[in-house]
Amino acid sequence: MPPVYAALFRRFPEFEALFSLDLDRGVRGHMLNEALNMAEGLLQNDPMAQTFVSAERMNHSGYGIEGAAFESFYVVLAEVFRDLAGARWTPDMSAAWENVAEAARMAKL
């Protein structure tokens, strides 16, 4: 979890203030867990995952996180996992994460 949020806050420094009350990092952990579960669902074209991501898009807009900024969480995840995997990262993994990011872009009510 720490590398994911470090990368997110480097890309969007203004997001860090949104987590000021997350002292035990439980919100971050929950958000990461949900994002990973939904990534799997998005890859499988699961309507529940598409609906959940769409609902979270609306929820996050209330915090000022709109469009590409919301969708970029999946891009950040892919970048962090790629960096952590190093030489074990494959083109298929890149393609899968690109598909997740595209499915997240398309998930709108």
PDB file of N, CA and C in Angstrom:
ATOM      1  N   MET A   1       0.809  -1.194   0.000  1.00  0.00           N
ATOM      2  CA  MET A   1       0.000   0.000   0.000  1.00  0.00           C
ATOM      3  C   MET A   1       0.861   1.271   0.000  1.00  0.00           C
ATOM      4  N   PRO A   2       1.897   1.382   0.817  1.00  0.00           N
ATOM      5  CA  PRO A   2       2.667   2.634   0.818  1.00  0.00           C
ATOM      6  C   PRO A   2       3.212   3.045  -0.554  1.00  0.00           C
ATOM      7  N   PRO A   3       3.746   2.121  -1.370  1.00  0.00           N
ATOM      8  CA  PRO A   3       4.235   2.579  -2.684  1.00  0.00           C
ATOM      9  C   PRO A   3       3.124   3.120  -3.582  1.00  0.00           C
ATOM     10  N   VAL A   4       1.935   2.566  -3.458  1.00  0.00           N
ATOM     11  CA  VAL A   4       0.814   3.023  -4.291  1.00  0.00           C
ATOM     12  C   VAL A   4       0.458   4.467  -3.942  1.00  0.00           C
ATOM     13  N   TYR A   5       0.320   4.749  -2.655  1.00  0.00           N
ATOM     14  CA  TYR A   5      -0.086   6.104  -2.274  1.00  0.00           C
ATOM     15  C   TYR A   5       1.051   7.103  -2.430  1.00  0.00           C
ATOM     16  N   ALA A   6       2.293   6.656  -2.269  1.00  0.00           N
ATOM     17  CA  ALA A   6       3.422   7.551  -2.538  1.00  0.00           C
ATOM     18  C   ALA A   6       3.398   7.970  -4.006  1.00  0.00           C
ATOM     19  N   ALA A   7       3.154   7.006  -4.897  1.00  0.00           N
ATOM     20  CA  ALA A   7       3.093   7.316  -6.335  1.00  0.00           C
ATOM     21  C   ALA A   7       1.884   8.199  -6.649  1.00  0.00           C
ATOM     22  N   LEU A   8       0.747   7.909  -6.026  1.00  0.00           N
ATOM     23  CA  LEU A   8      -0.456   8.717  -6.259  1.00  0.00           C
ATOM     24  C   LEU A   8      -0.217  10.164  -5.828  1.00  0.00           C
ATOM     25  N   PHE A   9       0.387  10.352  -4.660  1.00  0.00           N
ATOM     26  CA  PHE A   9       0.601  11.703  -4.146  1.00  0.00           C
ATOM     27  C   PHE A   9       1.694  12.440  -4.913  1.00  0.00           C
ATOM     28  N   ARG A  10       2.633  11.714  -5.513  1.00  0.00           N
ATOM     29  CA  ARG A  10       3.605  12.376  -6.388  1.00  0.00           C
ATOM     30  C   ARG A  10       2.899  12.921  -7.624  1.00  0.00           C
ATOM     31  N   ARG A  11       1.980  12.128  -8.164  1.00  0.00           N
ATOM     32  CA  ARG A  11       1.256  12.547  -9.373  1.00  0.00           C
ATOM     33  C   ARG A  11       0.232  13.616  -9.058  1.00  0.00           C
ATOM     34  N   PHE A  12      -0.450  13.473  -7.930  1.00  0.00           N
ATOM     35  CA  PHE A  12      -1.510  14.405  -7.524  1.00  0.00           C
ATOM     36  C   PHE A  12      -1.260  14.835  -6.074  1.00  0.00           C
ATOM     37  N   PRO A  13      -0.331  15.755  -5.841  1.00  0.00           N
ATOM     38  CA  PRO A  13      -0.019  16.159  -4.459  1.00  0.00           C
ATOM     39  C   PRO A  13      -1.236  16.672  -3.695  1.00  0.00           C
ATOM     40  N   GLU A  14      -2.176  17.248  -4.413  1.00  0.00           N
ATOM     41  CA  GLU A  14      -3.367  17.796  -3.758  1.00  0.00           C
ATOM     42  C   GLU A  14      -4.257  16.713  -3.147  1.00  0.00           C
ATOM     43  N   PHE A  15      -4.089  15.466  -3.565  1.00  0.00           N
ATOM     44  CA  PHE A  15      -4.913  14.379  -3.022  1.00  0.00           C
ATOM     45  C   PHE A  15      -4.513  14.018  -1.597  1.00  0.00           C
ATOM     46  N   GLU A  16      -3.275  14.263  -1.234  1.00  0.00           N
ATOM     47  CA  GLU A  16      -2.808  13.848   0.090  1.00  0.00           C
ATOM     48  C   GLU A  16      -3.636  14.480   1.202  1.00  0.00           C
ATOM     49  N   ALA A  17      -4.039  15.726   1.025  1.00  0.00           N
ATOM     50  CA  ALA A  17      -4.841  16.414   2.042  1.00  0.00           C
ATOM     51  C   ALA A  17      -6.194  15.735   2.248  1.00  0.00           C
ATOM     52  N   LEU A  18      -6.679  15.031   1.236  1.00  0.00           N
ATOM     53  CA  LEU A  18      -7.965  14.332   1.357  1.00  0.00           C
ATOM     54  C   LEU A  18      -7.894  13.169   2.350  1.00  0.00           C
ATOM     55  N   PHE A  19      -6.683  12.747   2.667  1.00  0.00           N
ATOM     56  CA  PHE A  19      -6.487  11.622   3.585  1.00  0.00           C
ATOM     57  C   PHE A  19      -5.992  12.080   4.949  1.00  0.00           C
ATOM     58  N   SER A  20      -6.149  13.343   5.273  1.00  0.00           N
ATOM     59  CA  SER A  20      -5.595  13.888   6.517  1.00  0.00           C
ATOM     60  C   SER A  20      -6.174  13.218   7.765  1.00  0.00           C
ATOM     61  N   LEU A  21      -7.378  12.712   7.706  1.00  0.00           N
ATOM     62  CA  LEU A  21      -7.980  12.048   8.858  1.00  0.00           C
ATOM     63  C   LEU A  21      -7.734  10.537   8.866  1.00  0.00           C
ATOM     64  N   ASP A  22      -7.071  10.030   7.846  1.00  0.00           N
ATOM     65  CA  ASP A  22      -6.804   8.596   7.724  1.00  0.00           C
ATOM     66  C   ASP A  22      -5.511   8.249   8.471  1.00  0.00           C
ATOM     67  N   LEU A  23      -5.515   8.453   9.772  1.00  0.00           N
ATOM     68  CA  LEU A  23      -4.302   8.307  10.577  1.00  0.00           C
ATOM     69  C   LEU A  23      -3.803   6.868  10.634  1.00  0.00           C
ATOM     70  N   ASP A  24      -4.706   5.901  10.630  1.00  0.00           N
ATOM     71  CA  ASP A  24      -4.276   4.501  10.682  1.00  0.00           C
ATOM     72  C   ASP A  24      -4.159   3.880   9.284  1.00  0.00           C
ATOM     73  N   ARG A  25      -4.391   4.689   8.264  1.00  0.00           N
ATOM     74  CA  ARG A  25      -4.299   4.289   6.855  1.00  0.00           C
ATOM     75  C   ARG A  25      -5.335   3.226   6.456  1.00  0.00           C
ATOM     76  N   GLY A  26      -6.357   3.093   7.277  1.00  0.00           N
ATOM     77  CA  GLY A  26      -7.417   2.135   6.992  1.00  0.00           C
ATOM     78  C   GLY A  26      -8.213   2.487   5.753  1.00  0.00           C
ATOM     79  N   VAL A  27      -8.462   3.774   5.548  1.00  0.00           N
ATOM     80  CA  VAL A  27      -9.201   4.209   4.357  1.00  0.00           C
ATOM     81  C   VAL A  27      -8.396   3.872   3.109  1.00  0.00           C
ATOM     82  N   ARG A  28      -7.102   4.140   3.152  1.00  0.00           N
ATOM     83  CA  ARG A  28      -6.245   3.832   2.002  1.00  0.00           C
ATOM     84  C   ARG A  28      -6.245   2.334   1.710  1.00  0.00           C
ATOM     85  N   GLY A  29      -6.136   1.538   2.754  1.00  0.00           N
ATOM     86  CA  GLY A  29      -6.138   0.088   2.576  1.00  0.00           C
ATOM     87  C   GLY A  29      -7.441  -0.402   1.986  1.00  0.00           C
ATOM     88  N   HIS A  30      -8.548   0.131   2.502  1.00  0.00           N
ATOM     89  CA  HIS A  30      -9.857  -0.257   1.983  1.00  0.00           C
ATOM     90  C   HIS A  30     -10.000   0.159   0.518  1.00  0.00           C
ATOM     91  N   MET A  31      -9.595   1.375   0.209  1.00  0.00           N
ATOM     92  CA  MET A  31      -9.703   1.868  -1.166  1.00  0.00           C
ATOM     93  C   MET A  31      -8.851   1.019  -2.117  1.00  0.00           C
ATOM     94  N   LEU A  32      -7.654   0.672  -1.700  1.00  0.00           N
ATOM     95  CA  LEU A  32      -6.796  -0.162  -2.536  1.00  0.00           C
ATOM     96  C   LEU A  32      -7.402  -1.546  -2.731  1.00  0.00           C
ATOM     97  N   ASN A  33      -7.917  -2.124  -1.671  1.00  0.00           N
ATOM     98  CA  ASN A  33      -8.555  -3.435  -1.768  1.00  0.00           C
ATOM     99  C   ASN A  33      -9.737  -3.405  -2.733  1.00  0.00           C
ATOM    100  N   GLU A  34     -10.583  -2.398  -2.601  1.00  0.00           N
ATOM    101  CA  GLU A  34     -11.742  -2.278  -3.498  1.00  0.00           C
ATOM    102  C   GLU A  34     -11.292  -2.089  -4.949  1.00  0.00           C
ATOM    103  N   ALA A  35     -10.276  -1.256  -5.153  1.00  0.00           N
ATOM    104  CA  ALA A  35      -9.787  -1.015  -6.511  1.00  0.00           C
ATOM    105  C   ALA A  35      -9.251  -2.298  -7.140  1.00  0.00           C
ATOM    106  N   LEU A  36      -8.543  -3.100  -6.358  1.00  0.00           N
ATOM    107  CA  LEU A  36      -8.014  -4.356  -6.893  1.00  0.00           C
ATOM    108  C   LEU A  36      -9.132  -5.348  -7.193  1.00  0.00           C
ATOM    109  N   ASN A  37     -10.102  -5.423  -6.305  1.00  0.00           N
ATOM    110  CA  ASN A  37     -11.250  -6.299  -6.573  1.00  0.00           C
ATOM    111  C   ASN A  37     -11.995  -5.858  -7.827  1.00  0.00           C
ATOM    112  N   MET A  38     -12.168  -4.552  -7.982  1.00  0.00           N
ATOM    113  CA  MET A  38     -12.884  -4.052  -9.157  1.00  0.00           C
ATOM    114  C   MET A  38     -12.049  -4.205 -10.424  1.00  0.00           C
ATOM    115  N   ALA A  39     -10.730  -4.145 -10.319  1.00  0.00           N
ATOM    116  CA  ALA A  39      -9.878  -4.369 -11.489  1.00  0.00           C
ATOM    117  C   ALA A  39     -10.128  -5.766 -12.046  1.00  0.00           C
ATOM    118  N   GLU A  40     -10.198  -6.733 -11.168  1.00  0.00           N
ATOM    119  CA  GLU A  40     -10.478  -8.103 -11.609  1.00  0.00           C
ATOM    120  C   GLU A  40     -11.853  -8.182 -12.278  1.00  0.00           C
ATOM    121  N   GLY A  41     -12.836  -7.550 -11.650  1.00  0.00           N
ATOM    122  CA  GLY A  41     -14.180  -7.547 -12.214  1.00  0.00           C
ATOM    123  C   GLY A  41     -14.243  -6.840 -13.556  1.00  0.00           C
ATOM    124  N   LEU A  42     -13.536  -5.731 -13.673  1.00  0.00           N
ATOM    125  CA  LEU A  42     -13.526  -4.998 -14.942  1.00  0.00           C
ATOM    126  C   LEU A  42     -12.917  -5.846 -16.054  1.00  0.00           C
ATOM    127  N   LEU A  43     -11.871  -6.604 -15.727  1.00  0.00           N
ATOM    128  CA  LEU A  43     -11.259  -7.484 -16.735  1.00  0.00           C
ATOM    129  C   LEU A  43     -12.225  -8.562 -17.207  1.00  0.00           C
ATOM    130  N   GLN A  44     -13.136  -8.938 -16.332  1.00  0.00           N
ATOM    131  CA  GLN A  44     -14.106  -9.990 -16.650  1.00  0.00           C
ATOM    132  C   GLN A  44     -15.429  -9.421 -17.156  1.00  0.00           C
ATOM    133  N   ASN A  45     -15.468  -8.121 -17.412  1.00  0.00           N
ATOM    134  CA  ASN A  45     -16.695  -7.448 -17.856  1.00  0.00           C
ATOM    135  C   ASN A  45     -17.863  -7.693 -16.908  1.00  0.00           C
ATOM    136  N   ASP A  46     -17.572  -7.743 -15.628  1.00  0.00           N
ATOM    137  CA  ASP A  46     -18.583  -7.959 -14.604  1.00  0.00           C
ATOM    138  C   ASP A  46     -19.418  -6.686 -14.447  1.00  0.00           C
ATOM    139  N   PRO A  47     -20.721  -6.764 -14.707  1.00  0.00           N
ATOM    140  CA  PRO A  47     -21.567  -5.569 -14.583  1.00  0.00           C
ATOM    141  C   PRO A  47     -21.540  -4.954 -13.182  1.00  0.00           C
ATOM    142  N   MET A  48     -21.377  -5.783 -12.153  1.00  0.00           N
ATOM    143  CA  MET A  48     -21.313  -5.255 -10.793  1.00  0.00           C
ATOM    144  C   MET A  48     -20.081  -4.379 -10.630  1.00  0.00           C
ATOM    145  N   ALA A  49     -18.946  -4.807 -11.169  1.00  0.00           N
ATOM    146  CA  ALA A  49     -17.726  -4.006 -11.080  1.00  0.00           C
ATOM    147  C   ALA A  49     -17.897  -2.702 -11.845  1.00  0.00           C
ATOM    148  N   GLN A  50     -18.499  -2.771 -13.008  1.00  0.00           N
ATOM    149  CA  GLN A  50     -18.713  -1.562 -13.808  1.00  0.00           C
ATOM    150  C   GLN A  50     -19.611  -0.577 -13.059  1.00  0.00           C
ATOM    151  N   THR A  51     -20.672  -1.086 -12.434  1.00  0.00           N
ATOM    152  CA  THR A  51     -21.583  -0.236 -11.675  1.00  0.00           C
ATOM    153  C   THR A  51     -20.892   0.344 -10.448  1.00  0.00           C
ATOM    154  N   PHE A  52     -20.110  -0.485  -9.756  1.00  0.00           N
ATOM    155  CA  PHE A  52     -19.407  -0.010  -8.571  1.00  0.00           C
ATOM    156  C   PHE A  52     -18.422   1.097  -8.929  1.00  0.00           C
ATOM    157  N   VAL A  53     -17.646   0.888  -9.980  1.00  0.00           N
ATOM    158  CA  VAL A  53     -16.676   1.908 -10.396  1.00  0.00           C
ATOM    159  C   VAL A  53     -17.402   3.183 -10.811  1.00  0.00           C
ATOM    160  N   SER A  54     -18.509   3.042 -11.499  1.00  0.00           N
ATOM    161  CA  SER A  54     -19.288   4.210 -11.891  1.00  0.00           C
ATOM    162  C   SER A  54     -19.791   4.969 -10.659  1.00  0.00           C
ATOM    163  N   ALA A  55     -20.287   4.238  -9.674  1.00  0.00           N
ATOM    164  CA  ALA A  55     -20.769   4.874  -8.449  1.00  0.00           C
ATOM    165  C   ALA A  55     -19.625   5.558  -7.701  1.00  0.00           C
ATOM    166  N   GLU A  56     -18.468   4.915  -7.679  1.00  0.00           N
ATOM    167  CA  GLU A  56     -17.314   5.518  -7.005  1.00  0.00           C
ATOM    168  C   GLU A  56     -16.823   6.757  -7.756  1.00  0.00           C
ATOM    169  N   ARG A  57     -16.976   6.747  -9.072  1.00  0.00           N
ATOM    170  CA  ARG A  57     -16.638   7.953  -9.856  1.00  0.00           C
ATOM    171  C   ARG A  57     -17.485   9.128  -9.358  1.00  0.00           C
ATOM    172  N   MET A  58     -18.778   8.904  -9.180  1.00  0.00           N
ATOM    173  CA  MET A  58     -19.664   9.972  -8.696  1.00  0.00           C
ATOM    174  C   MET A  58     -19.312  10.351  -7.260  1.00  0.00           C
ATOM    175  N   ASN A  59     -19.036   9.358  -6.428  1.00  0.00           N
ATOM    176  CA  ASN A  59     -18.663   9.612  -5.037  1.00  0.00           C
ATOM    177  C   ASN A  59     -17.400  10.471  -4.960  1.00  0.00           C
ATOM    178  N   HIS A  60     -16.397  10.121  -5.752  1.00  0.00           N
ATOM    179  CA  HIS A  60     -15.139  10.860  -5.720  1.00  0.00           C
ATOM    180  C   HIS A  60     -15.269  12.262  -6.312  1.00  0.00           C
ATOM    181  N   SER A  61     -16.231  12.462  -7.196  1.00  0.00           N
ATOM    182  CA  SER A  61     -16.412  13.808  -7.749  1.00  0.00           C
ATOM    183  C   SER A  61     -16.788  14.788  -6.639  1.00  0.00           C
ATOM    184  N   GLY A  62     -17.417  14.289  -5.582  1.00  0.00           N
ATOM    185  CA  GLY A  62     -17.735  15.130  -4.435  1.00  0.00           C
ATOM    186  C   GLY A  62     -16.495  15.634  -3.717  1.00  0.00           C
ATOM    187  N   TYR A  63     -15.370  14.950  -3.916  1.00  0.00           N
ATOM    188  CA  TYR A  63     -14.092  15.382  -3.345  1.00  0.00           C
ATOM    189  C   TYR A  63     -13.269  16.177  -4.347  1.00  0.00           C
ATOM    190  N   GLY A  64     -13.841  16.433  -5.519  1.00  0.00           N
ATOM    191  CA  GLY A  64     -13.132  17.174  -6.552  1.00  0.00           C
ATOM    192  C   GLY A  64     -12.257  16.308  -7.438  1.00  0.00           C
ATOM    193  N   ILE A  65     -12.443  15.006  -7.356  1.00  0.00           N
ATOM    194  CA  ILE A  65     -11.657  14.076  -8.175  1.00  0.00           C
ATOM    195  C   ILE A  65     -12.522  13.672  -9.358  1.00  0.00           C
ATOM    196  N   GLU A  66     -12.215  14.225 -10.498  1.00  0.00           N
ATOM    197  CA  GLU A  66     -13.062  14.061 -11.684  1.00  0.00           C
ATOM    198  C   GLU A  66     -12.316  13.336 -12.803  1.00  0.00           C
ATOM    199  N   GLY A  67     -13.062  12.715 -13.689  1.00  0.00           N
ATOM    200  CA  GLY A  67     -12.573  12.177 -14.954  1.00  0.00           C
ATOM    201  C   GLY A  67     -11.242  11.468 -14.895  1.00  0.00           C
ATOM    202  N   ALA A  68     -10.272  12.000 -15.646  1.00  0.00           N
ATOM    203  CA  ALA A  68      -8.969  11.358 -15.795  1.00  0.00           C
ATOM    204  C   ALA A  68      -8.259  11.195 -14.454  1.00  0.00           C
ATOM    205  N   ALA A  69      -8.461  12.114 -13.531  1.00  0.00           N
ATOM    206  CA  ALA A  69      -7.827  11.988 -12.217  1.00  0.00           C
ATOM    207  C   ALA A  69      -8.356  10.750 -11.499  1.00  0.00           C
ATOM    208  N   PHE A  70      -9.651  10.511 -11.567  1.00  0.00           N
ATOM    209  CA  PHE A  70     -10.237   9.320 -10.946  1.00  0.00           C
ATOM    210  C   PHE A  70      -9.693   8.061 -11.618  1.00  0.00           C
ATOM    211  N   GLU A  71      -9.703   8.040 -12.918  1.00  0.00           N
ATOM    212  CA  GLU A  71      -9.285   6.858 -13.672  1.00  0.00           C
ATOM    213  C   GLU A  71      -7.799   6.580 -13.525  1.00  0.00           C
ATOM    214  N   SER A  72      -7.028   7.604 -13.227  1.00  0.00           N
ATOM    215  CA  SER A  72      -5.581   7.432 -13.161  1.00  0.00           C
ATOM    216  C   SER A  72      -5.139   6.552 -12.000  1.00  0.00           C
ATOM    217  N   PHE A  73      -6.026   6.281 -11.044  1.00  0.00           N
ATOM    218  CA  PHE A  73      -5.641   5.390  -9.945  1.00  0.00           C
ATOM    219  C   PHE A  73      -5.211   4.038 -10.503  1.00  0.00           C
ATOM    220  N   TYR A  74      -5.904   3.554 -11.516  1.00  0.00           N
ATOM    221  CA  TYR A  74      -5.530   2.266 -12.107  1.00  0.00           C
ATOM    222  C   TYR A  74      -4.209   2.364 -12.868  1.00  0.00           C
ATOM    223  N   VAL A  75      -3.930   3.500 -13.442  1.00  0.00           N
ATOM    224  CA  VAL A  75      -2.646   3.714 -14.111  1.00  0.00           C
ATOM    225  C   VAL A  75      -1.526   3.718 -13.071  1.00  0.00           C
ATOM    226  N   VAL A  76      -1.755   4.390 -11.957  1.00  0.00           N
ATOM    227  CA  VAL A  76      -0.773   4.413 -10.872  1.00  0.00           C
ATOM    228  C   VAL A  76      -0.529   2.999 -10.356  1.00  0.00           C
ATOM    229  N   LEU A  77      -1.596   2.233 -10.158  1.00  0.00           N
ATOM    230  CA  LEU A  77      -1.435   0.851  -9.711  1.00  0.00           C
ATOM    231  C   LEU A  77      -0.546   0.072 -10.665  1.00  0.00           C
ATOM    232  N   ALA A  78      -0.819   0.180 -11.949  1.00  0.00           N
ATOM    233  CA  ALA A  78      -0.032  -0.546 -12.951  1.00  0.00           C
ATOM    234  C   ALA A  78       1.433  -0.131 -12.889  1.00  0.00           C
ATOM    235  N   GLU A  79       1.695   1.158 -12.760  1.00  0.00           N
ATOM    236  CA  GLU A  79       3.075   1.640 -12.713  1.00  0.00           C
ATOM    237  C   GLU A  79       3.806   1.116 -11.477  1.00  0.00           C
ATOM    238  N   VAL A  80       3.139   1.132 -10.338  1.00  0.00           N
ATOM    239  CA  VAL A  80       3.761   0.646  -9.102  1.00  0.00           C
ATOM    240  C   VAL A  80       4.018  -0.855  -9.207  1.00  0.00           C
ATOM    241  N   PHE A  81       3.035  -1.605  -9.679  1.00  0.00           N
ATOM    242  CA  PHE A  81       3.221  -3.052  -9.799  1.00  0.00           C
ATOM    243  C   PHE A  81       4.315  -3.390 -10.805  1.00  0.00           C
ATOM    244  N   ARG A  82       4.382  -2.622 -11.882  1.00  0.00           N
ATOM    245  CA  ARG A  82       5.443  -2.830 -12.873  1.00  0.00           C
ATOM    246  C   ARG A  82       6.804  -2.602 -12.228  1.00  0.00           C
ATOM    247  N   ASP A  83       6.915  -1.524 -11.474  1.00  0.00           N
ATOM    248  CA  ASP A  83       8.187  -1.228 -10.817  1.00  0.00           C
ATOM    249  C   ASP A  83       8.555  -2.304  -9.798  1.00  0.00           C
ATOM    250  N   LEU A  84       7.567  -2.781  -9.049  1.00  0.00           N
ATOM    251  CA  LEU A  84       7.832  -3.813  -8.052  1.00  0.00           C
ATOM    252  C   LEU A  84       8.173  -5.155  -8.700  1.00  0.00           C
ATOM    253  N   ALA A  85       7.563  -5.458  -9.823  1.00  0.00           N
ATOM    254  CA  ALA A  85       7.798  -6.739 -10.507  1.00  0.00           C
ATOM    255  C   ALA A  85       9.135  -6.755 -11.239  1.00  0.00           C
ATOM    256  N   GLY A  86       9.586  -5.594 -11.660  1.00  0.00           N
ATOM    257  CA  GLY A  86      10.858  -5.531 -12.372  1.00  0.00           C
ATOM    258  C   GLY A  86      10.845  -6.392 -13.628  1.00  0.00           C
ATOM    259  N   ALA A  87      11.846  -7.247 -13.757  1.00  0.00           N
ATOM    260  CA  ALA A  87      12.003  -8.079 -14.955  1.00  0.00           C
ATOM    261  C   ALA A  87      10.892  -9.120 -15.103  1.00  0.00           C
ATOM    262  N   ARG A  88      10.142  -9.362 -14.027  1.00  0.00           N
ATOM    263  CA  ARG A  88       9.037 -10.343 -14.116  1.00  0.00           C
ATOM    264  C   ARG A  88       7.797  -9.760 -14.790  1.00  0.00           C
ATOM    265  N   TRP A  89       7.769  -8.439 -14.973  1.00  0.00           N
ATOM    266  CA  TRP A  89       6.631  -7.777 -15.622  1.00  0.00           C
ATOM    267  C   TRP A  89       6.607  -8.175 -17.093  1.00  0.00           C
ATOM    268  N   THR A  90       5.425  -8.479 -17.590  1.00  0.00           N
ATOM    269  CA  THR A  90       5.309  -8.945 -18.979  1.00  0.00           C
ATOM    270  C   THR A  90       4.435  -8.002 -19.798  1.00  0.00           C
ATOM    271  N   PRO A  91       4.539  -8.099 -21.115  1.00  0.00           N
ATOM    272  CA  PRO A  91       3.640  -7.323 -21.967  1.00  0.00           C
ATOM    273  C   PRO A  91       2.166  -7.664 -21.710  1.00  0.00           C
ATOM    274  N   ASP A  92       1.880  -8.921 -21.377  1.00  0.00           N
ATOM    275  CA  ASP A  92       0.492  -9.296 -21.066  1.00  0.00           C
ATOM    276  C   ASP A  92      -0.016  -8.564 -19.826  1.00  0.00           C
ATOM    277  N   MET A  93       0.846  -8.366 -18.858  1.00  0.00           N
ATOM    278  CA  MET A  93       0.448  -7.621 -17.658  1.00  0.00           C
ATOM    279  C   MET A  93       0.154  -6.175 -18.017  1.00  0.00           C
ATOM    280  N   SER A  94       1.009  -5.590 -18.848  1.00  0.00           N
ATOM    281  CA  SER A  94       0.754  -4.209 -19.299  1.00  0.00           C
ATOM    282  C   SER A  94      -0.575  -4.119 -20.016  1.00  0.00           C
ATOM    283  N   ALA A  95      -0.834  -5.072 -20.902  1.00  0.00           N
ATOM    284  CA  ALA A  95      -2.089  -5.069 -21.660  1.00  0.00           C
ATOM    285  C   ALA A  95      -3.291  -5.223 -20.736  1.00  0.00           C
ATOM    286  N   ALA A  96      -3.175  -6.077 -19.731  1.00  0.00           N
ATOM    287  CA  ALA A  96      -4.288  -6.273 -18.797  1.00  0.00           C
ATOM    288  C   ALA A  96      -4.594  -4.982 -18.047  1.00  0.00           C
ATOM    289  N   TRP A  97      -3.556  -4.293 -17.570  1.00  0.00           N
ATOM    290  CA  TRP A  97      -3.787  -3.044 -16.836  1.00  0.00           C
ATOM    291  C   TRP A  97      -4.304  -1.947 -17.752  1.00  0.00           C
ATOM    292  N   GLU A  98      -3.875  -1.937 -18.993  1.00  0.00           N
ATOM    293  CA  GLU A  98      -4.437  -0.982 -19.957  1.00  0.00           C
ATOM    294  C   GLU A  98      -5.921  -1.259 -20.150  1.00  0.00           C
ATOM    295  N   ASN A  99      -6.292  -2.538 -20.193  1.00  0.00           N
ATOM    296  CA  ASN A  99      -7.711  -2.899 -20.318  1.00  0.00           C
ATOM    297  C   ASN A  99      -8.500  -2.475 -19.091  1.00  0.00           C
ATOM    298  N   VAL A 100      -7.913  -2.623 -17.914  1.00  0.00           N
ATOM    299  CA  VAL A 100      -8.577  -2.186 -16.681  1.00  0.00           C
ATOM    300  C   VAL A 100      -8.811  -0.673 -16.719  1.00  0.00           C
ATOM    301  N   ALA A 101      -7.767   0.071 -17.080  1.00  0.00           N
ATOM    302  CA  ALA A 101      -7.893   1.528 -17.127  1.00  0.00           C
ATOM    303  C   ALA A 101      -8.954   1.952 -18.142  1.00  0.00           C
ATOM    304  N   GLU A 102      -8.989   1.294 -19.284  1.00  0.00           N
ATOM    305  CA  GLU A 102      -9.997   1.618 -20.301  1.00  0.00           C
ATOM    306  C   GLU A 102     -11.401   1.278 -19.799  1.00  0.00           C
ATOM    307  N   ALA A 103     -11.549   0.133 -19.160  1.00  0.00           N
ATOM    308  CA  ALA A 103     -12.858  -0.249 -18.613  1.00  0.00           C
ATOM    309  C   ALA A 103     -13.299   0.737 -17.535  1.00  0.00           C
ATOM    310  N   ALA A 104     -12.364   1.233 -16.736  1.00  0.00           N
ATOM    311  CA  ALA A 104     -12.703   2.231 -15.714  1.00  0.00           C
ATOM    312  C   ALA A 104     -13.152   3.529 -16.389  1.00  0.00           C
ATOM    313  N   ARG A 105     -12.487   3.897 -17.493  1.00  0.00           N
ATOM    314  CA  ARG A 105     -12.906   5.111 -18.227  1.00  0.00           C
ATOM    315  C   ARG A 105     -14.323   4.957 -18.764  1.00  0.00           C
ATOM    316  N   MET A 106     -14.668   3.756 -19.171  1.00  0.00           N
ATOM    317  CA  MET A 106     -15.964   3.515 -19.799  1.00  0.00           C
ATOM    318  C   MET A 106     -17.089   3.291 -18.769  1.00  0.00           C
ATOM    319  N   ALA A 107     -16.736   3.046 -17.520  1.00  0.00           N
ATOM    320  CA  ALA A 107     -17.728   2.749 -16.491  1.00  0.00           C
ATOM    321  C   ALA A 107     -18.390   4.032 -16.012  1.00  0.00           C
ATOM    322  N   LYS A 108     -19.489   4.367 -16.644  1.00  0.00           N
ATOM    323  CA  LYS A 108     -20.245   5.574 -16.290  1.00  0.00           C
ATOM    324  C   LYS A 108     -21.723   5.247 -16.336  1.00  0.00           C
ATOM    325  N   LEU A 109     -22.433   5.703 -15.332  1.00  0.00           N
ATOM    326  CA  LEU A 109     -23.887   5.475 -15.305  1.00  0.00           C
ATOM    327  C   LEU A 109     -24.580   6.371 -16.304  1.00  0.00           C
TER     328      LEU A 109
END
